[in-house]
Amino acid sequence: MKSDLNQQPQLKTASSALEQQLKNCVKAKANKGDYVVAISLLDQLIALRPDHAVNYNNRGLMYFLNNQIIEAFCDLSLALEINPHLDSAYNNRANCYAAQGDLGEAIADYDLALDLNPANLRAWINQGIAFRELEMYELGLENFDIALLVGDALQERIYAERGRTQHLRGDWNCAISDYQTALNILINKPREINYFCKVQSWLNQLLNPLMITDC
């Protein structure tokens, strides 16, 4: 019995070390866009901690980024069954609804995320985009304005998406200003080259509607 008791702290330490190692590997693979491997690593994390909502949330996000929407939705809903207060899971599930064109359900889930965490910038941005898709431009602009007040992160996204909303609403001068602000931030973020090109194409549509660009 004494030997068993002495081994328990060692086993717990080894399990914790393995869990942290897997988390680090998931992050590295996700940053490289290797979502299939990230999912397999999260499978191992879930086997270690089947009651841990964050692992299901993270695997759901990887499924979503890998365009496996049904699998993503299942994982995110399970994460919320385990922990109904996980705001990031509501945001991620809302993205699944939006990807399926169900913007009403998406907006409702973004609301739940923001009720739980008013500082969730991604939820403010994503809900603003959903409002824009529904041509509810004023509500979208309110979201982006609030996002700028909430925190300093993701400003390139906020300015770009606010600019797009102003663009579609017909407020072109404000749109150009926001696009340029976003591009000035993005130019220093080489990993965001695809988004830089997207914003540049939006700006080009305003400056020269007949010009076709290949960024």
N, C-alpha and C. Protein backbone atom coordinates (compact mmCIF):
# COMPACT_ATOMS: atom_id res chain seq x y z
N MET A 1 0.84 -1.20 0.00
CA MET A 1 0.00 0.00 0.00
C MET A 1 0.87 1.24 0.00
N LYS A 2 1.92 1.24 0.80
CA LYS A 2 2.80 2.40 0.87
C LYS A 2 3.44 2.68 -0.49
N SER A 3 3.84 1.63 -1.19
CA SER A 3 4.45 1.80 -2.51
C SER A 3 3.47 2.43 -3.48
N ASP A 4 2.19 2.00 -3.45
CA ASP A 4 1.18 2.55 -4.35
C ASP A 4 0.98 4.03 -4.08
N LEU A 5 0.93 4.42 -2.81
CA LEU A 5 0.72 5.82 -2.46
C LEU A 5 1.88 6.67 -2.95
N ASN A 6 3.08 6.16 -2.86
CA ASN A 6 4.25 6.92 -3.30
C ASN A 6 4.26 7.12 -4.81
N GLN A 7 3.65 6.18 -5.53
CA GLN A 7 3.66 6.27 -6.98
C GLN A 7 2.61 7.25 -7.52
N GLN A 8 1.56 7.51 -6.75
CA GLN A 8 0.48 8.35 -7.24
C GLN A 8 0.93 9.76 -7.63
N PRO A 9 1.72 10.46 -6.80
CA PRO A 9 2.17 11.79 -7.21
C PRO A 9 3.01 11.75 -8.48
N GLN A 10 3.82 10.68 -8.63
CA GLN A 10 4.65 10.57 -9.82
C GLN A 10 3.80 10.38 -11.06
N LEU A 11 2.76 9.53 -10.94
CA LEU A 11 1.87 9.31 -12.08
C LEU A 11 1.12 10.58 -12.46
N LYS A 12 0.69 11.31 -11.43
CA LYS A 12 -0.03 12.56 -11.69
C LYS A 12 0.87 13.57 -12.37
N THR A 13 2.12 13.65 -11.93
CA THR A 13 3.08 14.57 -12.54
C THR A 13 3.35 14.19 -13.99
N ALA A 14 3.51 12.90 -14.25
CA ALA A 14 3.76 12.43 -15.61
C ALA A 14 2.58 12.73 -16.52
N SER A 15 1.36 12.53 -16.00
CA SER A 15 0.16 12.81 -16.78
C SER A 15 0.04 14.29 -17.10
N SER A 16 0.34 15.14 -16.11
CA SER A 16 0.29 16.58 -16.33
C SER A 16 1.32 17.03 -17.35
N ALA A 17 2.51 16.43 -17.30
CA ALA A 17 3.56 16.78 -18.25
C ALA A 17 3.16 16.38 -19.67
N LEU A 18 2.55 15.19 -19.81
CA LEU A 18 2.10 14.73 -21.12
C LEU A 18 1.00 15.64 -21.65
N GLU A 19 0.08 16.02 -20.76
CA GLU A 19 -1.02 16.90 -21.16
C GLU A 19 -0.48 18.23 -21.67
N GLN A 20 0.48 18.82 -20.96
CA GLN A 20 1.05 20.09 -21.38
C GLN A 20 1.80 19.95 -22.70
N GLN A 21 2.50 18.84 -22.85
CA GLN A 21 3.23 18.60 -24.10
C GLN A 21 2.26 18.51 -25.28
N LEU A 22 1.16 17.80 -25.09
CA LEU A 22 0.15 17.69 -26.14
C LEU A 22 -0.46 19.04 -26.48
N LYS A 23 -0.73 19.85 -25.45
CA LYS A 23 -1.29 21.18 -25.69
C LYS A 23 -0.33 22.04 -26.50
N ASN A 24 0.94 21.97 -26.17
CA ASN A 24 1.94 22.74 -26.92
C ASN A 24 2.01 22.29 -28.38
N CYS A 25 1.91 20.98 -28.58
CA CYS A 25 1.95 20.45 -29.95
C CYS A 25 0.70 20.86 -30.74
N VAL A 26 -0.44 20.85 -30.07
CA VAL A 26 -1.69 21.28 -30.73
C VAL A 26 -1.55 22.72 -31.20
N LYS A 27 -1.06 23.58 -30.33
CA LYS A 27 -0.90 24.99 -30.68
C LYS A 27 0.04 25.16 -31.86
N ALA A 28 1.15 24.43 -31.84
CA ALA A 28 2.13 24.53 -32.93
C ALA A 28 1.53 24.06 -34.25
N LYS A 29 0.83 22.95 -34.24
CA LYS A 29 0.23 22.43 -35.46
C LYS A 29 -0.89 23.34 -35.97
N ALA A 30 -1.69 23.88 -35.04
CA ALA A 30 -2.77 24.78 -35.45
C ALA A 30 -2.21 26.04 -36.09
N ASN A 31 -1.13 26.57 -35.53
CA ASN A 31 -0.51 27.78 -36.09
C ASN A 31 0.02 27.54 -37.50
N LYS A 32 0.38 26.30 -37.79
CA LYS A 32 0.89 25.95 -39.13
C LYS A 32 -0.24 25.54 -40.09
N GLY A 33 -1.47 25.51 -39.57
CA GLY A 33 -2.59 25.10 -40.41
C GLY A 33 -2.71 23.60 -40.59
N ASP A 34 -2.01 22.84 -39.78
CA ASP A 34 -2.06 21.37 -39.86
C ASP A 34 -3.16 20.87 -38.93
N TYR A 35 -4.40 21.09 -39.35
CA TYR A 35 -5.53 20.85 -38.47
C TYR A 35 -5.80 19.36 -38.24
N VAL A 36 -5.50 18.52 -39.23
CA VAL A 36 -5.73 17.08 -39.07
C VAL A 36 -4.87 16.52 -37.94
N VAL A 37 -3.61 16.91 -37.91
CA VAL A 37 -2.73 16.45 -36.84
C VAL A 37 -3.16 17.04 -35.51
N ALA A 38 -3.56 18.32 -35.52
CA ALA A 38 -4.03 18.95 -34.28
C ALA A 38 -5.23 18.20 -33.72
N ILE A 39 -6.12 17.77 -34.60
CA ILE A 39 -7.30 17.02 -34.16
C ILE A 39 -6.89 15.69 -33.52
N SER A 40 -5.93 15.00 -34.13
CA SER A 40 -5.48 13.72 -33.57
C SER A 40 -4.83 13.91 -32.20
N LEU A 41 -4.12 15.01 -32.03
CA LEU A 41 -3.52 15.31 -30.73
C LEU A 41 -4.59 15.63 -29.70
N LEU A 42 -5.62 16.34 -30.13
CA LEU A 42 -6.72 16.65 -29.22
C LEU A 42 -7.50 15.39 -28.86
N ASP A 43 -7.55 14.42 -29.77
CA ASP A 43 -8.15 13.12 -29.42
C ASP A 43 -7.45 12.53 -28.20
N GLN A 44 -6.13 12.64 -28.19
CA GLN A 44 -5.35 12.10 -27.06
C GLN A 44 -5.62 12.89 -25.78
N LEU A 45 -5.73 14.22 -25.92
CA LEU A 45 -6.04 15.04 -24.75
C LEU A 45 -7.40 14.69 -24.17
N ILE A 46 -8.36 14.46 -25.06
CA ILE A 46 -9.71 14.12 -24.60
C ILE A 46 -9.72 12.75 -23.92
N ALA A 47 -8.89 11.84 -24.41
CA ALA A 47 -8.77 10.53 -23.76
C ALA A 47 -8.22 10.68 -22.35
N LEU A 48 -7.31 11.63 -22.16
CA LEU A 48 -6.75 11.89 -20.83
C LEU A 48 -7.74 12.61 -19.92
N ARG A 49 -8.48 13.58 -20.52
CA ARG A 49 -9.41 14.41 -19.73
C ARG A 49 -10.77 14.46 -20.43
N PRO A 50 -11.54 13.39 -20.37
CA PRO A 50 -12.82 13.34 -21.10
C PRO A 50 -13.88 14.30 -20.56
N ASP A 51 -13.63 14.87 -19.38
CA ASP A 51 -14.60 15.79 -18.78
C ASP A 51 -14.16 17.24 -18.90
N HIS A 52 -13.16 17.51 -19.74
CA HIS A 52 -12.58 18.85 -19.85
C HIS A 52 -13.17 19.56 -21.06
N ALA A 53 -14.04 20.54 -20.83
CA ALA A 53 -14.77 21.20 -21.92
C ALA A 53 -13.86 21.91 -22.90
N VAL A 54 -12.76 22.47 -22.41
CA VAL A 54 -11.87 23.24 -23.28
C VAL A 54 -11.30 22.37 -24.39
N ASN A 55 -11.02 21.11 -24.10
CA ASN A 55 -10.48 20.22 -25.13
C ASN A 55 -11.48 19.99 -26.25
N TYR A 56 -12.76 19.82 -25.90
CA TYR A 56 -13.79 19.66 -26.92
C TYR A 56 -13.97 20.96 -27.71
N ASN A 57 -13.88 22.08 -27.02
CA ASN A 57 -13.97 23.37 -27.69
C ASN A 57 -12.84 23.53 -28.70
N ASN A 58 -11.63 23.19 -28.28
CA ASN A 58 -10.48 23.34 -29.18
C ASN A 58 -10.55 22.37 -30.36
N ARG A 59 -11.00 21.14 -30.10
CA ARG A 59 -11.14 20.21 -31.22
C ARG A 59 -12.25 20.66 -32.16
N GLY A 60 -13.31 21.21 -31.59
CA GLY A 60 -14.38 21.75 -32.43
C GLY A 60 -13.88 22.87 -33.31
N LEU A 61 -13.02 23.72 -32.76
CA LEU A 61 -12.44 24.80 -33.56
C LEU A 61 -11.58 24.24 -34.68
N MET A 62 -10.79 23.22 -34.39
CA MET A 62 -9.95 22.62 -35.44
C MET A 62 -10.81 21.99 -36.53
N TYR A 63 -11.89 21.32 -36.13
CA TYR A 63 -12.81 20.77 -37.12
C TYR A 63 -13.38 21.88 -37.99
N PHE A 64 -13.77 22.97 -37.37
CA PHE A 64 -14.33 24.10 -38.12
C PHE A 64 -13.33 24.64 -39.13
N LEU A 65 -12.09 24.84 -38.68
CA LEU A 65 -11.06 25.37 -39.57
C LEU A 65 -10.73 24.38 -40.68
N ASN A 66 -11.01 23.11 -40.45
CA ASN A 66 -10.78 22.08 -41.47
C ASN A 66 -12.04 21.81 -42.30
N ASN A 67 -13.03 22.71 -42.17
CA ASN A 67 -14.29 22.62 -42.93
C ASN A 67 -15.09 21.36 -42.62
N GLN A 68 -14.96 20.86 -41.40
CA GLN A 68 -15.77 19.73 -40.95
C GLN A 68 -16.82 20.28 -39.98
N ILE A 69 -17.82 20.91 -40.55
CA ILE A 69 -18.76 21.71 -39.75
C ILE A 69 -19.60 20.84 -38.82
N ILE A 70 -20.07 19.69 -39.30
CA ILE A 70 -20.91 18.84 -38.46
C ILE A 70 -20.14 18.35 -37.24
N GLU A 71 -18.91 17.89 -37.47
CA GLU A 71 -18.08 17.42 -36.35
C GLU A 71 -17.79 18.56 -35.38
N ALA A 72 -17.54 19.75 -35.94
CA ALA A 72 -17.28 20.91 -35.09
C ALA A 72 -18.48 21.22 -34.21
N PHE A 73 -19.65 21.23 -34.82
CA PHE A 73 -20.87 21.55 -34.08
C PHE A 73 -21.09 20.55 -32.94
N CYS A 74 -20.87 19.27 -33.21
CA CYS A 74 -21.05 18.25 -32.16
C CYS A 74 -20.11 18.47 -30.99
N ASP A 75 -18.84 18.74 -31.29
CA ASP A 75 -17.86 18.95 -30.22
C ASP A 75 -18.18 20.20 -29.42
N LEU A 76 -18.57 21.26 -30.10
CA LEU A 76 -18.83 22.53 -29.40
C LEU A 76 -20.08 22.42 -28.54
N SER A 77 -21.08 21.72 -29.02
CA SER A 77 -22.29 21.51 -28.21
C SER A 77 -21.97 20.66 -26.98
N LEU A 78 -21.10 19.66 -27.15
CA LEU A 78 -20.70 18.84 -26.01
C LEU A 78 -19.90 19.66 -25.01
N ALA A 79 -19.03 20.53 -25.51
CA ALA A 79 -18.27 21.41 -24.61
C ALA A 79 -19.21 22.24 -23.76
N LEU A 80 -20.30 22.72 -24.36
CA LEU A 80 -21.24 23.57 -23.63
C LEU A 80 -22.12 22.76 -22.68
N GLU A 81 -22.32 21.48 -22.98
CA GLU A 81 -23.01 20.62 -22.01
C GLU A 81 -22.16 20.46 -20.75
N ILE A 82 -20.86 20.31 -20.96
CA ILE A 82 -19.94 20.13 -19.82
C ILE A 82 -19.77 21.43 -19.06
N ASN A 83 -19.64 22.54 -19.80
CA ASN A 83 -19.43 23.85 -19.17
C ASN A 83 -20.26 24.90 -19.90
N PRO A 84 -21.48 25.17 -19.41
CA PRO A 84 -22.36 26.13 -20.09
C PRO A 84 -21.86 27.58 -20.01
N HIS A 85 -20.77 27.81 -19.31
CA HIS A 85 -20.26 29.17 -19.15
C HIS A 85 -19.01 29.43 -20.00
N LEU A 86 -18.75 28.57 -20.97
CA LEU A 86 -17.55 28.69 -21.80
C LEU A 86 -17.88 29.59 -23.00
N ASP A 87 -17.56 30.87 -22.87
CA ASP A 87 -17.97 31.84 -23.90
C ASP A 87 -17.34 31.55 -25.26
N SER A 88 -16.10 31.07 -25.27
CA SER A 88 -15.44 30.80 -26.55
C SER A 88 -16.15 29.70 -27.33
N ALA A 89 -16.76 28.75 -26.62
CA ALA A 89 -17.49 27.68 -27.31
C ALA A 89 -18.76 28.22 -27.97
N TYR A 90 -19.43 29.17 -27.31
CA TYR A 90 -20.59 29.80 -27.95
C TYR A 90 -20.16 30.56 -29.20
N ASN A 91 -19.05 31.28 -29.11
CA ASN A 91 -18.55 32.01 -30.28
C ASN A 91 -18.22 31.04 -31.42
N ASN A 92 -17.54 29.95 -31.09
CA ASN A 92 -17.16 28.99 -32.13
C ASN A 92 -18.37 28.29 -32.73
N ARG A 93 -19.36 27.96 -31.88
CA ARG A 93 -20.56 27.32 -32.42
C ARG A 93 -21.34 28.30 -33.28
N ALA A 94 -21.35 29.56 -32.88
CA ALA A 94 -22.00 30.58 -33.71
C ALA A 94 -21.37 30.64 -35.09
N ASN A 95 -20.05 30.50 -35.15
CA ASN A 95 -19.37 30.49 -36.45
C ASN A 95 -19.85 29.32 -37.30
N CYS A 96 -20.14 28.19 -36.67
CA CYS A 96 -20.67 27.04 -37.41
C CYS A 96 -22.05 27.37 -37.99
N TYR A 97 -22.89 27.97 -37.16
CA TYR A 97 -24.21 28.38 -37.66
C TYR A 97 -24.06 29.34 -38.84
N ALA A 98 -23.16 30.32 -38.70
CA ALA A 98 -22.96 31.30 -39.76
C ALA A 98 -22.48 30.62 -41.05
N ALA A 99 -21.58 29.65 -40.90
CA ALA A 99 -21.06 28.94 -42.08
C ALA A 99 -22.16 28.18 -42.80
N GLN A 100 -23.19 27.78 -42.06
CA GLN A 100 -24.32 27.07 -42.66
C GLN A 100 -25.42 28.02 -43.12
N GLY A 101 -25.19 29.33 -42.95
CA GLY A 101 -26.17 30.32 -43.39
C GLY A 101 -27.26 30.61 -42.39
N ASP A 102 -27.17 30.04 -41.20
CA ASP A 102 -28.19 30.26 -40.16
C ASP A 102 -27.74 31.43 -39.29
N LEU A 103 -27.89 32.63 -39.82
CA LEU A 103 -27.36 33.81 -39.14
C LEU A 103 -28.15 34.17 -37.89
N GLY A 104 -29.43 33.83 -37.85
CA GLY A 104 -30.22 34.10 -36.66
C GLY A 104 -29.70 33.33 -35.45
N GLU A 105 -29.45 32.03 -35.64
CA GLU A 105 -28.90 31.22 -34.55
C GLU A 105 -27.48 31.66 -34.21
N ALA A 106 -26.74 32.08 -35.23
CA ALA A 106 -25.37 32.56 -34.98
C ALA A 106 -25.39 33.79 -34.08
N ILE A 107 -26.25 34.74 -34.41
CA ILE A 107 -26.34 35.97 -33.62
C ILE A 107 -26.75 35.65 -32.18
N ALA A 108 -27.66 34.69 -32.01
CA ALA A 108 -28.09 34.31 -30.66
C ALA A 108 -26.93 33.72 -29.86
N ASP A 109 -26.10 32.89 -30.50
CA ASP A 109 -24.95 32.32 -29.79
C ASP A 109 -23.89 33.38 -29.50
N TYR A 110 -23.70 34.32 -30.42
CA TYR A 110 -22.76 35.41 -30.14
C TYR A 110 -23.25 36.21 -28.93
N ASP A 111 -24.56 36.42 -28.85
CA ASP A 111 -25.12 37.12 -27.69
C ASP A 111 -24.80 36.38 -26.39
N LEU A 112 -24.94 35.06 -26.41
CA LEU A 112 -24.63 34.27 -25.21
C LEU A 112 -23.16 34.39 -24.84
N ALA A 113 -22.29 34.37 -25.85
CA ALA A 113 -20.86 34.53 -25.58
C ALA A 113 -20.58 35.88 -24.94
N LEU A 114 -21.22 36.92 -25.44
CA LEU A 114 -20.98 38.27 -24.93
C LEU A 114 -21.62 38.50 -23.57
N ASP A 115 -22.74 37.82 -23.31
CA ASP A 115 -23.33 37.90 -21.97
C ASP A 115 -22.36 37.32 -20.93
N LEU A 116 -21.69 36.24 -21.31
CA LEU A 116 -20.74 35.60 -20.39
C LEU A 116 -19.43 36.36 -20.30
N ASN A 117 -19.01 36.95 -21.41
CA ASN A 117 -17.73 37.65 -21.44
C ASN A 117 -17.82 38.85 -22.38
N PRO A 118 -18.19 40.02 -21.85
CA PRO A 118 -18.31 41.21 -22.69
C PRO A 118 -16.99 41.65 -23.34
N ALA A 119 -15.88 41.07 -22.92
CA ALA A 119 -14.58 41.41 -23.50
C ALA A 119 -14.16 40.45 -24.61
N ASN A 120 -15.07 39.58 -25.04
CA ASN A 120 -14.75 38.63 -26.11
C ASN A 120 -14.75 39.35 -27.45
N LEU A 121 -13.58 39.81 -27.87
CA LEU A 121 -13.47 40.60 -29.09
C LEU A 121 -13.94 39.84 -30.32
N ARG A 122 -13.59 38.56 -30.39
CA ARG A 122 -13.96 37.79 -31.58
C ARG A 122 -15.48 37.70 -31.71
N ALA A 123 -16.17 37.58 -30.60
CA ALA A 123 -17.63 37.52 -30.66
C ALA A 123 -18.22 38.84 -31.15
N TRP A 124 -17.66 39.97 -30.68
CA TRP A 124 -18.12 41.28 -31.16
C TRP A 124 -17.90 41.39 -32.67
N ILE A 125 -16.72 41.00 -33.13
CA ILE A 125 -16.40 41.11 -34.56
C ILE A 125 -17.29 40.17 -35.38
N ASN A 126 -17.37 38.93 -34.96
CA ASN A 126 -18.13 37.94 -35.74
C ASN A 126 -19.61 38.28 -35.79
N GLN A 127 -20.14 38.77 -34.67
CA GLN A 127 -21.55 39.16 -34.68
C GLN A 127 -21.76 40.37 -35.59
N GLY A 128 -20.80 41.29 -35.58
CA GLY A 128 -20.88 42.44 -36.48
C GLY A 128 -20.93 42.01 -37.94
N ILE A 129 -20.12 41.01 -38.29
CA ILE A 129 -20.12 40.48 -39.66
C ILE A 129 -21.47 39.85 -39.98
N ALA A 130 -22.04 39.12 -39.01
CA ALA A 130 -23.36 38.49 -39.22
C ALA A 130 -24.43 39.56 -39.45
N PHE A 131 -24.40 40.62 -38.66
CA PHE A 131 -25.34 41.72 -38.88
C PHE A 131 -25.17 42.29 -40.29
N ARG A 132 -23.93 42.45 -40.71
CA ARG A 132 -23.66 42.99 -42.05
C ARG A 132 -24.22 42.08 -43.13
N GLU A 133 -24.06 40.77 -42.95
CA GLU A 133 -24.59 39.82 -43.93
C GLU A 133 -26.10 39.94 -44.06
N LEU A 134 -26.74 40.34 -42.98
CA LEU A 134 -28.20 40.55 -42.98
C LEU A 134 -28.57 41.97 -43.40
N GLU A 135 -27.56 42.75 -43.81
CA GLU A 135 -27.73 44.16 -44.21
C GLU A 135 -28.23 45.02 -43.05
N MET A 136 -27.92 44.59 -41.84
CA MET A 136 -28.24 45.39 -40.64
C MET A 136 -26.97 46.18 -40.29
N TYR A 137 -26.67 47.15 -41.16
CA TYR A 137 -25.37 47.82 -41.11
C TYR A 137 -25.15 48.61 -39.83
N GLU A 138 -26.19 49.28 -39.34
CA GLU A 138 -26.02 50.10 -38.14
C GLU A 138 -25.65 49.23 -36.93
N LEU A 139 -26.32 48.08 -36.81
CA LEU A 139 -25.99 47.18 -35.71
C LEU A 139 -24.57 46.64 -35.85
N GLY A 140 -24.18 46.34 -37.08
CA GLY A 140 -22.82 45.88 -37.31
C GLY A 140 -21.79 46.91 -36.91
N LEU A 141 -22.03 48.16 -37.30
CA LEU A 141 -21.10 49.24 -36.96
C LEU A 141 -21.01 49.43 -35.45
N GLU A 142 -22.15 49.29 -34.76
CA GLU A 142 -22.12 49.40 -33.30
C GLU A 142 -21.20 48.33 -32.70
N ASN A 143 -21.28 47.12 -33.23
CA ASN A 143 -20.41 46.05 -32.73
C ASN A 143 -18.94 46.39 -32.90
N PHE A 144 -18.57 46.89 -34.08
CA PHE A 144 -17.16 47.19 -34.34
C PHE A 144 -16.69 48.37 -33.50
N ASP A 145 -17.57 49.35 -33.29
CA ASP A 145 -17.20 50.48 -32.43
C ASP A 145 -16.96 50.01 -31.00
N ILE A 146 -17.82 49.13 -30.51
CA ILE A 146 -17.65 48.60 -29.16
C ILE A 146 -16.36 47.80 -29.07
N ALA A 147 -16.08 47.00 -30.10
CA ALA A 147 -14.87 46.18 -30.10
C ALA A 147 -13.62 47.04 -29.98
N LEU A 148 -13.61 48.20 -30.63
CA LEU A 148 -12.46 49.09 -30.54
C LEU A 148 -12.29 49.64 -29.13
N LEU A 149 -13.39 49.76 -28.40
CA LEU A 149 -13.33 50.26 -27.03
C LEU A 149 -12.95 49.17 -26.03
N VAL A 150 -13.30 47.93 -26.36
CA VAL A 150 -13.12 46.83 -25.41
C VAL A 150 -11.66 46.46 -25.21
N GLY A 151 -10.88 46.45 -26.30
CA GLY A 151 -9.49 46.03 -26.16
C GLY A 151 -8.62 46.49 -27.31
N ASP A 152 -7.31 46.26 -27.17
CA ASP A 152 -6.36 46.70 -28.18
C ASP A 152 -6.02 45.62 -29.20
N ALA A 153 -6.46 44.40 -28.97
CA ALA A 153 -6.12 43.30 -29.89
C ALA A 153 -7.05 43.31 -31.11
N LEU A 154 -6.61 42.61 -32.15
CA LEU A 154 -7.41 42.39 -33.37
C LEU A 154 -7.87 43.68 -34.04
N GLN A 155 -7.13 44.76 -33.84
CA GLN A 155 -7.58 46.03 -34.42
C GLN A 155 -7.60 46.00 -35.94
N GLU A 156 -6.67 45.25 -36.54
CA GLU A 156 -6.66 45.17 -38.00
C GLU A 156 -7.96 44.55 -38.51
N ARG A 157 -8.48 43.58 -37.79
CA ARG A 157 -9.74 42.94 -38.17
C ARG A 157 -10.92 43.89 -37.95
N ILE A 158 -10.89 44.58 -36.84
CA ILE A 158 -12.01 45.47 -36.52
C ILE A 158 -12.11 46.59 -37.55
N TYR A 159 -10.98 47.24 -37.84
CA TYR A 159 -11.00 48.33 -38.81
C TYR A 159 -11.39 47.82 -40.20
N ALA A 160 -10.86 46.66 -40.59
CA ALA A 160 -11.17 46.13 -41.92
C ALA A 160 -12.65 45.79 -42.05
N GLU A 161 -13.20 45.11 -41.05
CA GLU A 161 -14.60 44.69 -41.13
C GLU A 161 -15.54 45.89 -40.96
N ARG A 162 -15.14 46.87 -40.16
CA ARG A 162 -15.95 48.08 -40.08
C ARG A 162 -15.90 48.82 -41.41
N GLY A 163 -14.71 48.85 -42.02
CA GLY A 163 -14.60 49.48 -43.33
C GLY A 163 -15.48 48.80 -44.36
N ARG A 164 -15.50 47.47 -44.35
CA ARG A 164 -16.35 46.74 -45.29
C ARG A 164 -17.82 47.06 -45.08
N THR A 165 -18.22 47.20 -43.83
CA THR A 165 -19.61 47.53 -43.52
C THR A 165 -19.95 48.93 -44.02
N GLN A 166 -19.06 49.89 -43.80
CA GLN A 166 -19.28 51.24 -44.31
C GLN A 166 -19.29 51.25 -45.84
N HIS A 167 -18.42 50.46 -46.44
CA HIS A 167 -18.35 50.32 -47.89
C HIS A 167 -19.71 49.89 -48.44
N LEU A 168 -20.27 48.82 -47.89
CA LEU A 168 -21.53 48.28 -48.37
C LEU A 168 -22.70 49.20 -48.06
N ARG A 169 -22.57 49.98 -47.00
CA ARG A 169 -23.62 50.94 -46.65
C ARG A 169 -23.57 52.18 -47.52
N GLY A 170 -22.43 52.40 -48.20
CA GLY A 170 -22.30 53.55 -49.08
C GLY A 170 -21.53 54.70 -48.49
N ASP A 171 -20.94 54.53 -47.31
CA ASP A 171 -20.14 55.58 -46.68
C ASP A 171 -18.69 55.36 -47.08
N TRP A 172 -18.35 55.74 -48.30
CA TRP A 172 -17.09 55.34 -48.90
C TRP A 172 -15.87 56.02 -48.29
N ASN A 173 -16.00 57.28 -47.92
CA ASN A 173 -14.84 57.97 -47.33
C ASN A 173 -14.41 57.30 -46.02
N CYS A 174 -15.38 56.98 -45.18
CA CYS A 174 -15.06 56.30 -43.92
C CYS A 174 -14.51 54.90 -44.19
N ALA A 175 -15.05 54.24 -45.21
CA ALA A 175 -14.57 52.90 -45.56
C ALA A 175 -13.11 52.95 -45.98
N ILE A 176 -12.75 53.91 -46.83
CA ILE A 176 -11.37 54.03 -47.29
C ILE A 176 -10.43 54.27 -46.11
N SER A 177 -10.84 55.14 -45.20
CA SER A 177 -10.02 55.44 -44.03
C SER A 177 -9.78 54.19 -43.18
N ASP A 178 -10.85 53.41 -42.95
CA ASP A 178 -10.72 52.20 -42.14
C ASP A 178 -9.89 51.14 -42.86
N TYR A 179 -10.08 50.99 -44.16
CA TYR A 179 -9.27 50.04 -44.92
C TYR A 179 -7.79 50.38 -44.81
N GLN A 180 -7.48 51.66 -44.96
CA GLN A 180 -6.07 52.08 -44.91
C GLN A 180 -5.47 51.86 -43.53
N THR A 181 -6.27 52.12 -42.49
CA THR A 181 -5.79 51.86 -41.12
C THR A 181 -5.50 50.38 -40.93
N ALA A 182 -6.41 49.53 -41.40
CA ALA A 182 -6.21 48.09 -41.28
C ALA A 182 -4.97 47.64 -42.04
N LEU A 183 -4.78 48.15 -43.25
CA LEU A 183 -3.62 47.75 -44.06
C LEU A 183 -2.31 48.20 -43.43
N ASN A 184 -2.33 49.36 -42.79
CA ASN A 184 -1.12 49.85 -42.12
C ASN A 184 -0.71 48.93 -40.96
N ILE A 185 -1.68 48.31 -40.33
CA ILE A 185 -1.38 47.36 -39.26
C ILE A 185 -0.95 46.02 -39.86
N LEU A 186 -1.67 45.58 -40.88
CA LEU A 186 -1.41 44.27 -41.48
C LEU A 186 -0.06 44.18 -42.18
N ILE A 187 0.45 45.31 -42.66
CA ILE A 187 1.72 45.29 -43.39
C ILE A 187 2.85 44.77 -42.50
N ASN A 188 2.68 44.89 -41.19
CA ASN A 188 3.69 44.42 -40.24
C ASN A 188 3.39 43.02 -39.70
N LYS A 189 2.41 42.34 -40.31
CA LYS A 189 2.03 41.00 -39.86
C LYS A 189 2.07 40.04 -41.05
N PRO A 190 3.26 39.56 -41.40
CA PRO A 190 3.39 38.72 -42.60
C PRO A 190 2.54 37.45 -42.57
N ARG A 191 2.22 36.95 -41.39
CA ARG A 191 1.38 35.76 -41.32
C ARG A 191 -0.06 36.04 -41.74
N GLU A 192 -0.41 37.32 -41.83
CA GLU A 192 -1.77 37.72 -42.21
C GLU A 192 -1.83 38.14 -43.68
N ILE A 193 -0.94 37.63 -44.51
CA ILE A 193 -0.85 38.07 -45.90
C ILE A 193 -2.16 37.84 -46.66
N ASN A 194 -2.84 36.72 -46.40
CA ASN A 194 -4.09 36.45 -47.10
C ASN A 194 -5.16 37.47 -46.75
N TYR A 195 -5.22 37.83 -45.47
CA TYR A 195 -6.20 38.83 -45.06
C TYR A 195 -5.81 40.21 -45.59
N PHE A 196 -4.51 40.50 -45.62
CA PHE A 196 -4.03 41.75 -46.21
C PHE A 196 -4.53 41.87 -47.65
N CYS A 197 -4.38 40.81 -48.42
CA CYS A 197 -4.82 40.83 -49.82
C CYS A 197 -6.33 41.03 -49.92
N LYS A 198 -7.06 40.42 -49.01
CA LYS A 198 -8.52 40.57 -49.01
C LYS A 198 -8.92 42.02 -48.78
N VAL A 199 -8.30 42.64 -47.78
CA VAL A 199 -8.62 44.04 -47.47
C VAL A 199 -8.17 44.95 -48.62
N GLN A 200 -7.00 44.66 -49.19
CA GLN A 200 -6.52 45.45 -50.32
C GLN A 200 -7.49 45.38 -51.49
N SER A 201 -8.06 44.20 -51.72
CA SER A 201 -9.02 44.06 -52.82
C SER A 201 -10.29 44.86 -52.55
N TRP A 202 -10.72 44.91 -51.28
CA TRP A 202 -11.87 45.74 -50.94
C TRP A 202 -11.59 47.21 -51.22
N LEU A 203 -10.40 47.65 -50.82
CA LEU A 203 -10.02 49.05 -51.06
C LEU A 203 -9.96 49.34 -52.55
N ASN A 204 -9.39 48.41 -53.31
CA ASN A 204 -9.29 48.61 -54.75
C ASN A 204 -10.66 48.72 -55.41
N GLN A 205 -11.64 48.02 -54.88
CA GLN A 205 -13.00 48.10 -55.41
C GLN A 205 -13.55 49.52 -55.32
N LEU A 206 -13.14 50.22 -54.27
CA LEU A 206 -13.59 51.60 -54.09
C LEU A 206 -12.78 52.57 -54.94
N LEU A 207 -11.47 52.39 -54.94
CA LEU A 207 -10.61 53.34 -55.64
C LEU A 207 -10.70 53.18 -57.15
N ASN A 208 -10.89 51.96 -57.61
CA ASN A 208 -11.00 51.70 -59.05
C ASN A 208 -11.88 50.48 -59.25
N PRO A 209 -13.19 50.69 -59.35
CA PRO A 209 -14.12 49.56 -59.41
C PRO A 209 -13.89 48.63 -60.59
N LEU A 210 -13.25 49.11 -61.66
CA LEU A 210 -13.03 48.28 -62.84
C LEU A 210 -11.71 47.54 -62.81
N MET A 211 -10.89 47.83 -61.80
CA MET A 211 -9.57 47.22 -61.74
C MET A 211 -9.65 45.83 -61.12
N ILE A 212 -9.00 44.87 -61.76
CA ILE A 212 -8.90 43.51 -61.22
C ILE A 212 -7.49 43.34 -60.69
N THR A 213 -7.37 43.00 -59.42
CA THR A 213 -6.05 42.87 -58.81
C THR A 213 -5.78 41.44 -58.42
N ASP A 214 -4.53 41.08 -58.44
CA ASP A 214 -4.07 39.77 -58.00
C ASP A 214 -2.96 39.99 -57.00
N CYS A 215 -3.34 40.08 -55.71
CA CYS A 215 -2.38 40.44 -54.66
C CYS A 215 -1.39 39.32 -54.46
